[in-house]
Structures are given as C-alpha cells and as structure tokens.
Amino acid sequence: ETYRAEIENRYGRLAVTAASYAAASGRFYPV
C-alpha cells in the first residue's frame, strides 16, 4: 500500500495500473 500510494501520488492511477499489469505479467513468459 505504501508503494501503491507513492506511485499514485507521483504519477496517477494509470501508473499504478501499468505497474500492476507489469507485476502480474512479467512472470508469464518464463513460466
């Protein structure tokens, strides 16, 4: 929550969404 709030405060909700997509999907290819 601390990281999410910092990203949102600095860059907005869209940056949180992009980071969330990246966090969820980066593991896809190696797996």
PDB file of all heavy atoms in Angstrom:
ATOM      1  N   GLU A   1       0.822  -1.213   0.000  1.00  0.00           N
ATOM      2  CA  GLU A   1       0.000   0.000   0.000  1.00  0.00           C
ATOM      3  C   GLU A   1       0.856   1.263   0.000  1.00  0.00           C
ATOM      4  O   GLU A   1       0.517   2.246  -0.658  1.00  0.00           O
ATOM      5  CB  GLU A   1      -0.957   0.004   1.189  1.00  0.00           C
ATOM      6  CG  GLU A   1      -1.938   1.157   1.169  1.00  0.00           C
ATOM      7  CD  GLU A   1      -2.717   1.293  -0.147  1.00  0.00           C
ATOM      8  OE1 GLU A   1      -3.140   0.267  -0.718  1.00  0.00           O
ATOM      9  OE2 GLU A   1      -2.884   2.436  -0.610  1.00  0.00           O
ATOM     10  N   THR A   2       1.976   1.227   0.674  1.00  0.00           N
ATOM     11  CA  THR A   2       2.888   2.384   0.684  1.00  0.00           C
ATOM     12  C   THR A   2       3.422   2.643  -0.719  1.00  0.00           C
ATOM     13  O   THR A   2       3.435   3.795  -1.191  1.00  0.00           O
ATOM     14  CB  THR A   2       4.047   2.134   1.668  1.00  0.00           C
ATOM     15  OG1 THR A   2       3.509   1.912   2.964  1.00  0.00           O
ATOM     16  CG2 THR A   2       5.012   3.307   1.692  1.00  0.00           C
ATOM     17  N   TYR A   3       3.871   1.592  -1.413  1.00  0.00           N
ATOM     18  CA  TYR A   3       4.381   1.746  -2.775  1.00  0.00           C
ATOM     19  C   TYR A   3       3.280   2.202  -3.726  1.00  0.00           C
ATOM     20  O   TYR A   3       3.491   3.078  -4.563  1.00  0.00           O
ATOM     21  CB  TYR A   3       5.002   0.446  -3.285  1.00  0.00           C
ATOM     22  CG  TYR A   3       6.204  -0.011  -2.504  1.00  0.00           C
ATOM     23  CD1 TYR A   3       6.288  -1.309  -2.015  1.00  0.00           C
ATOM     24  CD2 TYR A   3       7.278   0.843  -2.255  1.00  0.00           C
ATOM     25  CE1 TYR A   3       7.392  -1.744  -1.308  1.00  0.00           C
ATOM     26  CE2 TYR A   3       8.390   0.418  -1.544  1.00  0.00           C
ATOM     27  CZ  TYR A   3       8.442  -0.876  -1.073  1.00  0.00           C
ATOM     28  OH  TYR A   3       9.538  -1.301  -0.371  1.00  0.00           O
ATOM     29  N   ARG A   4       2.101   1.589  -3.607  1.00  0.00           N
ATOM     30  CA  ARG A   4       0.981   1.949  -4.471  1.00  0.00           C
ATOM     31  C   ARG A   4       0.639   3.436  -4.297  1.00  0.00           C
ATOM     32  O   ARG A   4       0.471   4.167  -5.276  1.00  0.00           O
ATOM     33  CB  ARG A   4      -0.242   1.092  -4.183  1.00  0.00           C
ATOM     34  CG  ARG A   4      -1.427   1.444  -5.066  1.00  0.00           C
ATOM     35  CD  ARG A   4      -2.718   0.665  -4.824  1.00  0.00           C
ATOM     36  NE  ARG A   4      -2.825  -0.047  -3.598  1.00  0.00           N
ATOM     37  CZ  ARG A   4      -2.766  -1.377  -3.456  1.00  0.00           C
ATOM     38  NH1 ARG A   4      -2.593  -2.144  -4.511  1.00  0.00           N
ATOM     39  NH2 ARG A   4      -2.886  -1.944  -2.275  1.00  0.00           N
ATOM     40  N   ALA A   5       0.552   3.883  -3.050  1.00  0.00           N
ATOM     41  CA  ALA A   5       0.217   5.284  -2.777  1.00  0.00           C
ATOM     42  C   ALA A   5       1.284   6.222  -3.336  1.00  0.00           C
ATOM     43  O   ALA A   5       0.958   7.281  -3.904  1.00  0.00           O
ATOM     44  CB  ALA A   5       0.041   5.495  -1.275  1.00  0.00           C
ATOM     45  N   GLU A   6       2.546   5.846  -3.209  1.00  0.00           N
ATOM     46  CA  GLU A   6       3.613   6.700  -3.725  1.00  0.00           C
ATOM     47  C   GLU A   6       3.533   6.820  -5.246  1.00  0.00           C
ATOM     48  O   GLU A   6       3.660   7.917  -5.807  1.00  0.00           O
ATOM     49  CB  GLU A   6       4.988   6.184  -3.303  1.00  0.00           C
ATOM     50  CG  GLU A   6       6.099   7.111  -3.726  1.00  0.00           C
ATOM     51  CD  GLU A   6       7.459   6.729  -3.168  1.00  0.00           C
ATOM     52  OE1 GLU A   6       7.547   5.861  -2.273  1.00  0.00           O
ATOM     53  OE2 GLU A   6       8.449   7.318  -3.651  1.00  0.00           O
ATOM     54  N   ILE A   7       3.310   5.696  -5.908  1.00  0.00           N
ATOM     55  CA  ILE A   7       3.181   5.731  -7.373  1.00  0.00           C
ATOM     56  C   ILE A   7       1.985   6.585  -7.771  1.00  0.00           C
ATOM     57  O   ILE A   7       2.082   7.452  -8.649  1.00  0.00           O
ATOM     58  CB  ILE A   7       3.063   4.299  -7.950  1.00  0.00           C
ATOM     59  CG1 ILE A   7       4.384   3.534  -7.757  1.00  0.00           C
ATOM     60  CG2 ILE A   7       2.685   4.345  -9.435  1.00  0.00           C
ATOM     61  CD1 ILE A   7       4.288   2.042  -8.025  1.00  0.00           C
ATOM     62  N   GLU A   8       0.859   6.370  -7.118  1.00  0.00           N
ATOM     63  CA  GLU A   8      -0.341   7.130  -7.470  1.00  0.00           C
ATOM     64  C   GLU A   8      -0.164   8.620  -7.186  1.00  0.00           C
ATOM     65  O   GLU A   8      -0.559   9.465  -8.004  1.00  0.00           O
ATOM     66  CB  GLU A   8      -1.557   6.588  -6.724  1.00  0.00           C
ATOM     67  CG  GLU A   8      -2.850   7.246  -7.160  1.00  0.00           C
ATOM     68  CD  GLU A   8      -4.087   6.566  -6.644  1.00  0.00           C
ATOM     69  OE1 GLU A   8      -3.999   5.487  -6.016  1.00  0.00           O
ATOM     70  OE2 GLU A   8      -5.184   7.129  -6.875  1.00  0.00           O
ATOM     71  N   ASN A   9       0.430   8.966  -6.059  1.00  0.00           N
ATOM     72  CA  ASN A   9       0.638  10.377  -5.728  1.00  0.00           C
ATOM     73  C   ASN A   9       1.568  11.068  -6.718  1.00  0.00           C
ATOM     74  O   ASN A   9       1.367  12.230  -7.047  1.00  0.00           O
ATOM     75  CB  ASN A   9       1.191  10.527  -4.309  1.00  0.00           C
ATOM     76  CG  ASN A   9       0.155  10.231  -3.251  1.00  0.00           C
ATOM     77  OD1 ASN A   9      -1.050  10.310  -3.492  1.00  0.00           O
ATOM     78  ND2 ASN A   9       0.610   9.864  -2.065  1.00  0.00           N
ATOM     79  N   ARG A  10       2.581  10.347  -7.183  1.00  0.00           N
ATOM     80  CA  ARG A  10       3.554  10.963  -8.080  1.00  0.00           C
ATOM     81  C   ARG A  10       3.113  10.951  -9.542  1.00  0.00           C
ATOM     82  O   ARG A  10       3.397  11.896 -10.279  1.00  0.00           O
ATOM     83  CB  ARG A  10       4.896  10.249  -7.948  1.00  0.00           C
ATOM     84  CG  ARG A  10       5.551  10.572  -6.596  1.00  0.00           C
ATOM     85  CD  ARG A  10       6.701   9.677  -6.273  1.00  0.00           C
ATOM     86  NE  ARG A  10       7.856   9.961  -7.102  1.00  0.00           N
ATOM     87  CZ  ARG A  10       8.974   9.270  -7.026  1.00  0.00           C
ATOM     88  NH1 ARG A  10       9.080   8.265  -6.184  1.00  0.00           N
ATOM     89  NH2 ARG A  10       9.988   9.570  -7.800  1.00  0.00           N
ATOM     90  N   TYR A  11       2.414   9.874  -9.960  1.00  0.00           N
ATOM     91  CA  TYR A  11       2.144   9.697 -11.390  1.00  0.00           C
ATOM     92  C   TYR A  11       0.681   9.444 -11.736  1.00  0.00           C
ATOM     93  O   TYR A  11       0.345   9.388 -12.911  1.00  0.00           O
ATOM     94  CB  TYR A  11       2.988   8.548 -11.950  1.00  0.00           C
ATOM     95  CG  TYR A  11       4.452   8.844 -11.854  1.00  0.00           C
ATOM     96  CD1 TYR A  11       5.243   8.216 -10.913  1.00  0.00           C
ATOM     97  CD2 TYR A  11       5.033   9.781 -12.698  1.00  0.00           C
ATOM     98  CE1 TYR A  11       6.595   8.503 -10.825  1.00  0.00           C
ATOM     99  CE2 TYR A  11       6.381  10.071 -12.616  1.00  0.00           C
ATOM    100  CZ  TYR A  11       7.157   9.428 -11.671  1.00  0.00           C
ATOM    101  OH  TYR A  11       8.487   9.724 -11.585  1.00  0.00           O
ATOM    102  N   GLY A  12      -0.164   9.210 -10.750  1.00  0.00           N
ATOM    103  CA  GLY A  12      -1.573   8.977 -11.024  1.00  0.00           C
ATOM    104  C   GLY A  12      -1.944   7.503 -11.055  1.00  0.00           C
ATOM    105  O   GLY A  12      -1.091   6.610 -11.034  1.00  0.00           O
ATOM    106  N   ARG A  13      -3.232   7.284 -11.094  1.00  0.00           N
ATOM    107  CA  ARG A  13      -3.785   5.933 -11.036  1.00  0.00           C
ATOM    108  C   ARG A  13      -3.359   5.081 -12.236  1.00  0.00           C
ATOM    109  O   ARG A  13      -3.188   3.866 -12.119  1.00  0.00           O
ATOM    110  CB  ARG A  13      -5.309   6.031 -10.953  1.00  0.00           C
ATOM    111  CG  ARG A  13      -5.997   4.753 -10.710  1.00  0.00           C
ATOM    112  CD  ARG A  13      -5.855   4.316  -9.275  1.00  0.00           C
ATOM    113  NE  ARG A  13      -6.439   2.980  -9.171  1.00  0.00           N
ATOM    114  CZ  ARG A  13      -6.001   2.055  -8.359  1.00  0.00           C
ATOM    115  NH1 ARG A  13      -5.022   2.304  -7.533  1.00  0.00           N
ATOM    116  NH2 ARG A  13      -6.563   0.879  -8.341  1.00  0.00           N
ATOM    117  N   LEU A  14      -3.215   5.719 -13.389  1.00  0.00           N
ATOM    118  CA  LEU A  14      -2.816   4.985 -14.588  1.00  0.00           C
ATOM    119  C   LEU A  14      -1.448   4.319 -14.416  1.00  0.00           C
ATOM    120  O   LEU A  14      -1.225   3.200 -14.890  1.00  0.00           O
ATOM    121  CB  LEU A  14      -2.791   5.933 -15.781  1.00  0.00           C
ATOM    122  CG  LEU A  14      -2.669   5.308 -17.155  1.00  0.00           C
ATOM    123  CD1 LEU A  14      -3.787   4.316 -17.420  1.00  0.00           C
ATOM    124  CD2 LEU A  14      -2.687   6.410 -18.203  1.00  0.00           C
ATOM    125  N   ALA A  15      -0.546   4.966 -13.717  1.00  0.00           N
ATOM    126  CA  ALA A  15       0.780   4.377 -13.466  1.00  0.00           C
ATOM    127  C   ALA A  15       0.659   3.160 -12.554  1.00  0.00           C
ATOM    128  O   ALA A  15       1.394   2.180 -12.730  1.00  0.00           O
ATOM    129  CB  ALA A  15       1.718   5.412 -12.856  1.00  0.00           C
ATOM    130  N   VAL A  16      -0.262   3.199 -11.607  1.00  0.00           N
ATOM    131  CA  VAL A  16      -0.494   2.042 -10.739  1.00  0.00           C
ATOM    132  C   VAL A  16      -1.021   0.875 -11.579  1.00  0.00           C
ATOM    133  O   VAL A  16      -0.593  -0.270 -11.411  1.00  0.00           O
ATOM    134  CB  VAL A  16      -1.471   2.382  -9.594  1.00  0.00           C
ATOM    135  CG1 VAL A  16      -1.844   1.127  -8.802  1.00  0.00           C
ATOM    136  CG2 VAL A  16      -0.882   3.449  -8.683  1.00  0.00           C
ATOM    137  N   THR A  17      -1.924   1.180 -12.505  1.00  0.00           N
ATOM    138  CA  THR A  17      -2.462   0.129 -13.373  1.00  0.00           C
ATOM    139  C   THR A  17      -1.358  -0.479 -14.231  1.00  0.00           C
ATOM    140  O   THR A  17      -1.248  -1.712 -14.331  1.00  0.00           O
ATOM    141  CB  THR A  17      -3.579   0.697 -14.264  1.00  0.00           C
ATOM    142  OG1 THR A  17      -4.633   1.177 -13.414  1.00  0.00           O
ATOM    143  CG2 THR A  17      -4.129  -0.355 -15.209  1.00  0.00           C
ATOM    144  N   ALA A  18      -0.530   0.358 -14.845  1.00  0.00           N
ATOM    145  CA  ALA A  18       0.565  -0.147 -15.684  1.00  0.00           C
ATOM    146  C   ALA A  18       1.538  -0.992 -14.866  1.00  0.00           C
ATOM    147  O   ALA A  18       1.956  -2.072 -15.304  1.00  0.00           O
ATOM    148  CB  ALA A  18       1.298   1.020 -16.351  1.00  0.00           C
ATOM    149  N   ALA A  19       1.882  -0.525 -13.668  1.00  0.00           N
ATOM    150  CA  ALA A  19       2.790  -1.291 -12.812  1.00  0.00           C
ATOM    151  C   ALA A  19       2.152  -2.602 -12.362  1.00  0.00           C
ATOM    152  O   ALA A  19       2.835  -3.620 -12.237  1.00  0.00           O
ATOM    153  CB  ALA A  19       3.203  -0.445 -11.605  1.00  0.00           C
ATOM    154  N   SER A  20       0.856  -2.586 -12.154  1.00  0.00           N
ATOM    155  CA  SER A  20       0.148  -3.816 -11.757  1.00  0.00           C
ATOM    156  C   SER A  20       0.126  -4.826 -12.897  1.00  0.00           C
ATOM    157  O   SER A  20       0.341  -6.029 -12.678  1.00  0.00           O
ATOM    158  CB  SER A  20      -1.277  -3.480 -11.315  1.00  0.00           C
ATOM    159  OG  SER A  20      -1.257  -2.659 -10.173  1.00  0.00           O
ATOM    160  N   TYR A  21      -0.139  -4.347 -14.109  1.00  0.00           N
ATOM    161  CA  TYR A  21      -0.066  -5.241 -15.271  1.00  0.00           C
ATOM    162  C   TYR A  21       1.332  -5.843 -15.387  1.00  0.00           C
ATOM    163  O   TYR A  21       1.499  -7.047 -15.611  1.00  0.00           O
ATOM    164  CB  TYR A  21      -0.372  -4.486 -16.562  1.00  0.00           C
ATOM    165  CG  TYR A  21      -1.825  -4.300 -16.890  1.00  0.00           C
ATOM    166  CD1 TYR A  21      -2.201  -3.343 -17.825  1.00  0.00           C
ATOM    167  CD2 TYR A  21      -2.837  -5.054 -16.316  1.00  0.00           C
ATOM    168  CE1 TYR A  21      -3.531  -3.150 -18.171  1.00  0.00           C
ATOM    169  CE2 TYR A  21      -4.166  -4.866 -16.646  1.00  0.00           C
ATOM    170  CZ  TYR A  21      -4.504  -3.911 -17.577  1.00  0.00           C
ATOM    171  OH  TYR A  21      -5.817  -3.730 -17.923  1.00  0.00           O
ATOM    172  N   ALA A  22       2.344  -5.004 -15.231  1.00  0.00           N
ATOM    173  CA  ALA A  22       3.729  -5.477 -15.346  1.00  0.00           C
ATOM    174  C   ALA A  22       4.054  -6.488 -14.254  1.00  0.00           C
ATOM    175  O   ALA A  22       4.667  -7.531 -14.523  1.00  0.00           O
ATOM    176  CB  ALA A  22       4.693  -4.290 -15.284  1.00  0.00           C
ATOM    177  N   ALA A  23       3.625  -6.208 -13.030  1.00  0.00           N
ATOM    178  CA  ALA A  23       3.905  -7.121 -11.914  1.00  0.00           C
ATOM    179  C   ALA A  23       3.250  -8.480 -12.129  1.00  0.00           C
ATOM    180  O   ALA A  23       3.831  -9.514 -11.798  1.00  0.00           O
ATOM    181  CB  ALA A  23       3.415  -6.502 -10.600  1.00  0.00           C
ATOM    182  N   ALA A  24       2.073  -8.473 -12.699  1.00  0.00           N
ATOM    183  CA  ALA A  24       1.356  -9.735 -12.918  1.00  0.00           C
ATOM    184  C   ALA A  24       1.853 -10.487 -14.144  1.00  0.00           C
ATOM    185  O   ALA A  24       1.875 -11.726 -14.150  1.00  0.00           O
ATOM    186  CB  ALA A  24      -0.143  -9.453 -13.068  1.00  0.00           C
ATOM    187  N   SER A  25       2.268  -9.769 -15.174  1.00  0.00           N
ATOM    188  CA  SER A  25       2.529 -10.428 -16.457  1.00  0.00           C
ATOM    189  C   SER A  25       3.988 -10.774 -16.726  1.00  0.00           C
ATOM    190  O   SER A  25       4.259 -11.625 -17.565  1.00  0.00           O
ATOM    191  CB  SER A  25       2.017  -9.549 -17.598  1.00  0.00           C
ATOM    192  OG  SER A  25       2.727  -8.332 -17.653  1.00  0.00           O
ATOM    193  N   GLY A  26       4.923 -10.146 -16.056  1.00  0.00           N
ATOM    194  CA  GLY A  26       6.336 -10.416 -16.332  1.00  0.00           C
ATOM    195  C   GLY A  26       6.733 -11.857 -16.104  1.00  0.00           C
ATOM    196  O   GLY A  26       7.646 -12.371 -16.749  1.00  0.00           O
ATOM    197  N   ARG A  27       6.037 -12.522 -15.212  1.00  0.00           N
ATOM    198  CA  ARG A  27       6.343 -13.933 -14.921  1.00  0.00           C
ATOM    199  C   ARG A  27       5.767 -14.873 -15.970  1.00  0.00           C
ATOM    200  O   ARG A  27       6.121 -16.044 -16.012  1.00  0.00           O
ATOM    201  CB  ARG A  27       5.796 -14.306 -13.553  1.00  0.00           C
ATOM    202  CG  ARG A  27       6.417 -13.499 -12.447  1.00  0.00           C
ATOM    203  CD  ARG A  27       5.959 -13.907 -11.087  1.00  0.00           C
ATOM    204  NE  ARG A  27       4.538 -13.678 -10.931  1.00  0.00           N
ATOM    205  CZ  ARG A  27       3.818 -14.160  -9.930  1.00  0.00           C
ATOM    206  NH1 ARG A  27       4.393 -14.879  -8.999  1.00  0.00           N
ATOM    207  NH2 ARG A  27       2.542 -13.916  -9.834  1.00  0.00           N
ATOM    208  N   PHE A  28       4.876 -14.386 -16.790  1.00  0.00           N
ATOM    209  CA  PHE A  28       4.191 -15.253 -17.747  1.00  0.00           C
ATOM    210  C   PHE A  28       5.172 -16.009 -18.642  1.00  0.00           C
ATOM    211  O   PHE A  28       5.102 -17.233 -18.761  1.00  0.00           O
ATOM    212  CB  PHE A  28       3.210 -14.452 -18.618  1.00  0.00           C
ATOM    213  CG  PHE A  28       2.632 -15.268 -19.738  1.00  0.00           C
ATOM    214  CD1 PHE A  28       1.581 -16.132 -19.502  1.00  0.00           C
ATOM    215  CD2 PHE A  28       3.175 -15.204 -21.015  1.00  0.00           C
ATOM    216  CE1 PHE A  28       1.058 -16.913 -20.528  1.00  0.00           C
ATOM    217  CE2 PHE A  28       2.662 -15.975 -22.043  1.00  0.00           C
ATOM    218  CZ  PHE A  28       1.603 -16.831 -21.803  1.00  0.00           C
ATOM    219  N   TYR A  29       6.052 -15.277 -19.307  1.00  0.00           N
ATOM    220  CA  TYR A  29       6.931 -15.922 -20.288  1.00  0.00           C
ATOM    221  C   TYR A  29       7.890 -16.935 -19.670  1.00  0.00           C
ATOM    222  O   TYR A  29       8.017 -18.041 -20.201  1.00  0.00           O
ATOM    223  CB  TYR A  29       7.678 -14.866 -21.115  1.00  0.00           C
ATOM    224  CG  TYR A  29       6.747 -14.108 -22.017  1.00  0.00           C
ATOM    225  CD1 TYR A  29       6.283 -12.849 -21.661  1.00  0.00           C
ATOM    226  CD2 TYR A  29       6.303 -14.660 -23.212  1.00  0.00           C
ATOM    227  CE1 TYR A  29       5.408 -12.154 -22.484  1.00  0.00           C
ATOM    228  CE2 TYR A  29       5.428 -13.978 -24.034  1.00  0.00           C
ATOM    229  CZ  TYR A  29       4.976 -12.730 -23.669  1.00  0.00           C
ATOM    230  OH  TYR A  29       4.112 -12.052 -24.475  1.00  0.00           O
ATOM    231  N   PRO A  30       8.568 -16.616 -18.570  1.00  0.00           N
ATOM    232  CA  PRO A  30       9.448 -17.646 -18.006  1.00  0.00           C
ATOM    233  C   PRO A  30       8.691 -18.894 -17.556  1.00  0.00           C
ATOM    234  O   PRO A  30       9.160 -20.016 -17.760  1.00  0.00           O
ATOM    235  CB  PRO A  30      10.127 -16.961 -16.819  1.00  0.00           C
ATOM    236  CG  PRO A  30       9.704 -15.555 -16.808  1.00  0.00           C
ATOM    237  CD  PRO A  30       8.718 -15.331 -17.902  1.00  0.00           C
ATOM    238  N   VAL A  31       7.518 -18.695 -16.983  1.00  0.00           N
ATOM    239  CA  VAL A  31       6.725 -19.841 -16.537  1.00  0.00           C
ATOM    240  C   VAL A  31       6.234 -20.639 -17.742  1.00  0.00           C
ATOM    241  O   VAL A  31       6.297 -21.877 -17.772  1.00  0.00           O
ATOM    242  CB  VAL A  31       5.560 -19.380 -15.628  1.00  0.00           C
ATOM    243  CG1 VAL A  31       4.625 -20.528 -15.312  1.00  0.00           C
ATOM    244  CG2 VAL A  31       6.109 -18.757 -14.339  1.00  0.00           C
TER     245      VAL A  31
END
